[in-house]
Amino acid sequence: MIRHAGKFLSRFWSPEGGPYALLVLLFLMVFVLAPLLSARILMPFVFQTAFWLIIVAGAFNVSSRRSIRLTALIVAVFSIALRVLSLSVFATAIEEVEIFLSLVMLSIFALLMIQNFLVTGRAWGHRITAAIAVYLLLGLIWSRL
């Protein structure tokens, strides 16, 4: 049973299997957590944690090349560390750098999703999923701006 769950999760997170994990997180963020945050039902920390999960999921899903994934993961962890530091120090400069890094990461995710799933000859299901994920990523980029 555990082996089957591991296989399912590895397909769910792998870039060869499609950007499904990223799409699920984007849907939750945009259509569930954002309205709950605006209604003040949800604490901002939960919303920020979901955003960090999107950054990490995007780092894993953008490319099948290990070097690109590692670079994206390092920048994602650096962005998360800056956000935690800005929450504890109350420094606006650190927060602006974190926002800039997250914008860069989301833009890179969108561009690599376009390159890896929409341009190359992938299955139609992966292409449709990637197109929806890119659309939602563009919405997140706009909201961060």
C-alpha atoms as a PDB file:
ATOM      1  CA  MET A   1       0.000   0.000   0.000  1.00  0.00           C
ATOM      2  CA  ILE A   2       2.795   2.405   0.889  1.00  0.00           C
ATOM      3  CA  ARG A   3       4.632   1.468  -2.311  1.00  0.00           C
ATOM      4  CA  HIS A   4       1.535   2.315  -4.398  1.00  0.00           C
ATOM      5  CA  ALA A   5       1.141   5.645  -2.629  1.00  0.00           C
ATOM      6  CA  GLY A   6       4.814   6.412  -3.270  1.00  0.00           C
ATOM      7  CA  LYS A   7       4.446   5.623  -6.973  1.00  0.00           C
ATOM      8  CA  PHE A   8       1.361   7.835  -7.210  1.00  0.00           C
ATOM      9  CA  LEU A   9       3.066  10.745  -5.455  1.00  0.00           C
ATOM     10  CA  SER A  10       6.217  10.416  -7.559  1.00  0.00           C
ATOM     11  CA  ARG A  11       4.100  10.593 -10.740  1.00  0.00           C
ATOM     12  CA  PHE A  12       2.149  13.498  -9.254  1.00  0.00           C
ATOM     13  CA  TRP A  13       5.305  15.547  -8.600  1.00  0.00           C
ATOM     14  CA  SER A  14       7.462  14.504 -11.540  1.00  0.00           C
ATOM     15  CA  PRO A  15       7.807  16.870 -14.494  1.00  0.00           C
ATOM     16  CA  GLU A  16       7.458  13.950 -16.897  1.00  0.00           C
ATOM     17  CA  GLY A  17       4.035  13.160 -15.454  1.00  0.00           C
ATOM     18  CA  GLY A  18       2.702  16.657 -16.016  1.00  0.00           C
ATOM     19  CA  PRO A  19       2.314  19.740 -13.856  1.00  0.00           C
ATOM     20  CA  TYR A  20      -0.569  18.343 -11.819  1.00  0.00           C
ATOM     21  CA  ALA A  21       0.815  19.062  -8.339  1.00  0.00           C
ATOM     22  CA  LEU A  22       1.495  22.656  -9.252  1.00  0.00           C
ATOM     23  CA  LEU A  23      -1.965  23.011 -10.774  1.00  0.00           C
ATOM     24  CA  VAL A  24      -3.697  21.627  -7.672  1.00  0.00           C
ATOM     25  CA  LEU A  25      -1.763  24.015  -5.428  1.00  0.00           C
ATOM     26  CA  LEU A  26      -2.518  26.955  -7.726  1.00  0.00           C
ATOM     27  CA  PHE A  27      -6.243  26.125  -7.715  1.00  0.00           C
ATOM     28  CA  LEU A  28      -6.272  25.893  -3.925  1.00  0.00           C
ATOM     29  CA  MET A  29      -4.405  29.169  -3.589  1.00  0.00           C
ATOM     30  CA  VAL A  30      -6.462  31.175  -6.058  1.00  0.00           C
ATOM     31  CA  PHE A  31      -9.948  29.759  -5.587  1.00  0.00           C
ATOM     32  CA  VAL A  32      -9.996  28.621  -1.938  1.00  0.00           C
ATOM     33  CA  LEU A  33      -7.340  30.347   0.166  1.00  0.00           C
ATOM     34  CA  ALA A  34      -7.484  33.824  -1.391  1.00  0.00           C
ATOM     35  CA  PRO A  35     -11.245  34.251  -0.789  1.00  0.00           C
ATOM     36  CA  LEU A  36     -10.871  32.913   2.750  1.00  0.00           C
ATOM     37  CA  LEU A  37      -8.044  35.380   3.373  1.00  0.00           C
ATOM     38  CA  SER A  38     -10.035  38.328   2.031  1.00  0.00           C
ATOM     39  CA  ALA A  39     -12.986  37.332   4.237  1.00  0.00           C
ATOM     40  CA  ARG A  40     -10.585  37.271   7.211  1.00  0.00           C
ATOM     41  CA  ILE A  41     -11.416  33.635   7.919  1.00  0.00           C
ATOM     42  CA  LEU A  42      -7.864  32.544   7.199  1.00  0.00           C
ATOM     43  CA  MET A  43      -4.681  33.812   8.792  1.00  0.00           C
ATOM     44  CA  PRO A  44      -2.120  35.391   6.416  1.00  0.00           C
ATOM     45  CA  PHE A  45       0.514  32.885   7.537  1.00  0.00           C
ATOM     46  CA  VAL A  46      -1.497  30.002   6.051  1.00  0.00           C
ATOM     47  CA  PHE A  47      -1.777  31.867   2.755  1.00  0.00           C
ATOM     48  CA  GLN A  48       1.960  32.604   2.771  1.00  0.00           C
ATOM     49  CA  THR A  49       2.735  28.948   3.501  1.00  0.00           C
ATOM     50  CA  ALA A  50       0.616  27.910   0.511  1.00  0.00           C
ATOM     51  CA  PHE A  51       2.543  30.395  -1.618  1.00  0.00           C
ATOM     52  CA  TRP A  52       5.820  28.843  -0.453  1.00  0.00           C
ATOM     53  CA  LEU A  53       4.496  25.410  -1.392  1.00  0.00           C
ATOM     54  CA  ILE A  54       3.749  26.729  -4.880  1.00  0.00           C
ATOM     55  CA  ILE A  55       7.291  28.048  -5.169  1.00  0.00           C
ATOM     56  CA  VAL A  56       8.745  24.685  -4.104  1.00  0.00           C
ATOM     57  CA  ALA A  57       6.329  22.683  -6.283  1.00  0.00           C
ATOM     58  CA  GLY A  58       7.204  24.904  -9.223  1.00  0.00           C
ATOM     59  CA  ALA A  59      10.894  24.296  -8.612  1.00  0.00           C
ATOM     60  CA  PHE A  60      10.297  20.554  -8.854  1.00  0.00           C
ATOM     61  CA  ASN A  61       7.927  20.710 -11.827  1.00  0.00           C
ATOM     62  CA  VAL A  62       9.604  23.152 -14.187  1.00  0.00           C
ATOM     63  CA  SER A  63      12.136  20.885 -15.808  1.00  0.00           C
ATOM     64  CA  SER A  64      13.322  17.327 -15.915  1.00  0.00           C
ATOM     65  CA  ARG A  65      16.937  18.546 -15.962  1.00  0.00           C
ATOM     66  CA  ARG A  66      18.435  18.177 -12.518  1.00  0.00           C
ATOM     67  CA  SER A  67      20.599  21.314 -12.697  1.00  0.00           C
ATOM     68  CA  ILE A  68      17.630  23.574 -13.478  1.00  0.00           C
ATOM     69  CA  ARG A  69      15.566  22.004 -10.702  1.00  0.00           C
ATOM     70  CA  LEU A  70      18.402  22.406  -8.196  1.00  0.00           C
ATOM     71  CA  THR A  71      18.934  26.061  -9.136  1.00  0.00           C
ATOM     72  CA  ALA A  72      15.209  26.771  -8.901  1.00  0.00           C
ATOM     73  CA  LEU A  73      15.022  25.012  -5.543  1.00  0.00           C
ATOM     74  CA  ILE A  74      17.961  27.009  -4.153  1.00  0.00           C
ATOM     75  CA  VAL A  75      16.374  30.308  -5.220  1.00  0.00           C
ATOM     76  CA  ALA A  76      13.025  29.161  -3.806  1.00  0.00           C
ATOM     77  CA  VAL A  77      14.547  28.308  -0.424  1.00  0.00           C
ATOM     78  CA  PHE A  78      16.408  31.640  -0.417  1.00  0.00           C
ATOM     79  CA  SER A  79      13.149  33.464  -1.141  1.00  0.00           C
ATOM     80  CA  ILE A  80      11.389  31.613   1.685  1.00  0.00           C
ATOM     81  CA  ALA A  81      14.245  32.378   4.085  1.00  0.00           C
ATOM     82  CA  LEU A  82      14.065  36.065   3.194  1.00  0.00           C
ATOM     83  CA  ARG A  83      10.318  36.094   3.813  1.00  0.00           C
ATOM     84  CA  VAL A  84      10.732  34.499   7.241  1.00  0.00           C
ATOM     85  CA  LEU A  85      13.510  36.985   8.036  1.00  0.00           C
ATOM     86  CA  SER A  86      11.356  39.924   6.947  1.00  0.00           C
ATOM     87  CA  LEU A  87       8.545  38.726   9.229  1.00  0.00           C
ATOM     88  CA  SER A  88      10.854  38.595  12.232  1.00  0.00           C
ATOM     89  CA  VAL A  89      12.847  41.787  11.589  1.00  0.00           C
ATOM     90  CA  PHE A  90      10.110  44.015  10.069  1.00  0.00           C
ATOM     91  CA  ALA A  91      12.469  45.245   7.374  1.00  0.00           C
ATOM     92  CA  THR A  92      10.804  46.566   4.248  1.00  0.00           C
ATOM     93  CA  ALA A  93      13.965  46.202   2.145  1.00  0.00           C
ATOM     94  CA  ILE A  94      14.111  42.467   2.856  1.00  0.00           C
ATOM     95  CA  GLU A  95      10.421  42.141   2.012  1.00  0.00           C
ATOM     96  CA  GLU A  96      10.946  43.954  -1.303  1.00  0.00           C
ATOM     97  CA  VAL A  97      13.819  41.626  -2.209  1.00  0.00           C
ATOM     98  CA  GLU A  98      11.627  38.631  -1.342  1.00  0.00           C
ATOM     99  CA  ILE A  99       8.797  39.944  -3.503  1.00  0.00           C
ATOM    100  CA  PHE A 100      11.243  40.503  -6.369  1.00  0.00           C
ATOM    101  CA  LEU A 101      12.651  36.971  -6.006  1.00  0.00           C
ATOM    102  CA  SER A 102       9.192  35.436  -5.910  1.00  0.00           C
ATOM    103  CA  LEU A 103       8.234  37.408  -9.026  1.00  0.00           C
ATOM    104  CA  VAL A 104      11.341  36.164 -10.788  1.00  0.00           C
ATOM    105  CA  MET A 105      10.627  32.576  -9.712  1.00  0.00           C
ATOM    106  CA  LEU A 106       6.992  32.703 -10.837  1.00  0.00           C
ATOM    107  CA  SER A 107       8.027  34.228 -14.168  1.00  0.00           C
ATOM    108  CA  ILE A 108      10.660  31.547 -14.703  1.00  0.00           C
ATOM    109  CA  PHE A 109       8.121  28.857 -13.814  1.00  0.00           C
ATOM    110  CA  ALA A 110       5.660  30.250 -16.342  1.00  0.00           C
ATOM    111  CA  LEU A 111       8.282  30.489 -19.099  1.00  0.00           C
ATOM    112  CA  LEU A 112       9.649  27.012 -18.456  1.00  0.00           C
ATOM    113  CA  MET A 113       6.138  25.568 -18.326  1.00  0.00           C
ATOM    114  CA  ILE A 114       5.471  27.109 -21.712  1.00  0.00           C
ATOM    115  CA  GLN A 115       8.729  25.731 -23.083  1.00  0.00           C
ATOM    116  CA  ASN A 116       8.498  22.250 -21.573  1.00  0.00           C
ATOM    117  CA  PHE A 117       4.813  21.494 -22.000  1.00  0.00           C
ATOM    118  CA  LEU A 118       3.267  23.764 -24.599  1.00  0.00           C
ATOM    119  CA  VAL A 119       5.979  23.989 -27.234  1.00  0.00           C
ATOM    120  CA  THR A 120       7.238  20.425 -27.211  1.00  0.00           C
ATOM    121  CA  GLY A 121       5.033  17.590 -28.380  1.00  0.00           C
ATOM    122  CA  ARG A 122       3.522  16.405 -25.098  1.00  0.00           C
ATOM    123  CA  ALA A 123       0.229  14.643 -24.559  1.00  0.00           C
ATOM    124  CA  TRP A 124      -2.848  16.835 -24.816  1.00  0.00           C
ATOM    125  CA  GLY A 125      -3.724  16.351 -21.150  1.00  0.00           C
ATOM    126  CA  HIS A 126      -0.323  17.656 -20.064  1.00  0.00           C
ATOM    127  CA  ARG A 127      -0.574  20.584 -22.467  1.00  0.00           C
ATOM    128  CA  ILE A 128      -4.016  21.627 -21.232  1.00  0.00           C
ATOM    129  CA  THR A 129      -2.924  21.279 -17.614  1.00  0.00           C
ATOM    130  CA  ALA A 130       0.198  23.340 -18.296  1.00  0.00           C
ATOM    131  CA  ALA A 131      -1.805  26.038 -20.068  1.00  0.00           C
ATOM    132  CA  ILE A 132      -4.141  26.376 -17.073  1.00  0.00           C
ATOM    133  CA  ALA A 133      -1.154  26.405 -14.696  1.00  0.00           C
ATOM    134  CA  VAL A 134       0.556  29.138 -16.741  1.00  0.00           C
ATOM    135  CA  TYR A 135      -2.651  31.180 -16.706  1.00  0.00           C
ATOM    136  CA  LEU A 136      -2.895  30.895 -12.914  1.00  0.00           C
ATOM    137  CA  LEU A 137       0.825  31.664 -12.547  1.00  0.00           C
ATOM    138  CA  LEU A 138       0.309  34.851 -14.534  1.00  0.00           C
ATOM    139  CA  GLY A 139      -2.488  35.741 -12.130  1.00  0.00           C
ATOM    140  CA  LEU A 140      -0.162  35.192  -9.163  1.00  0.00           C
ATOM    141  CA  ILE A 141       2.521  37.309 -10.824  1.00  0.00           C
ATOM    142  CA  TRP A 142       0.022  40.103 -11.296  1.00  0.00           C
ATOM    143  CA  SER A 143      -1.153  39.850  -7.684  1.00  0.00           C
ATOM    144  CA  ARG A 144       2.434  40.016  -6.382  1.00  0.00           C
ATOM    145  CA  LEU A 145       3.039  43.119  -8.507  1.00  0.00           C
END
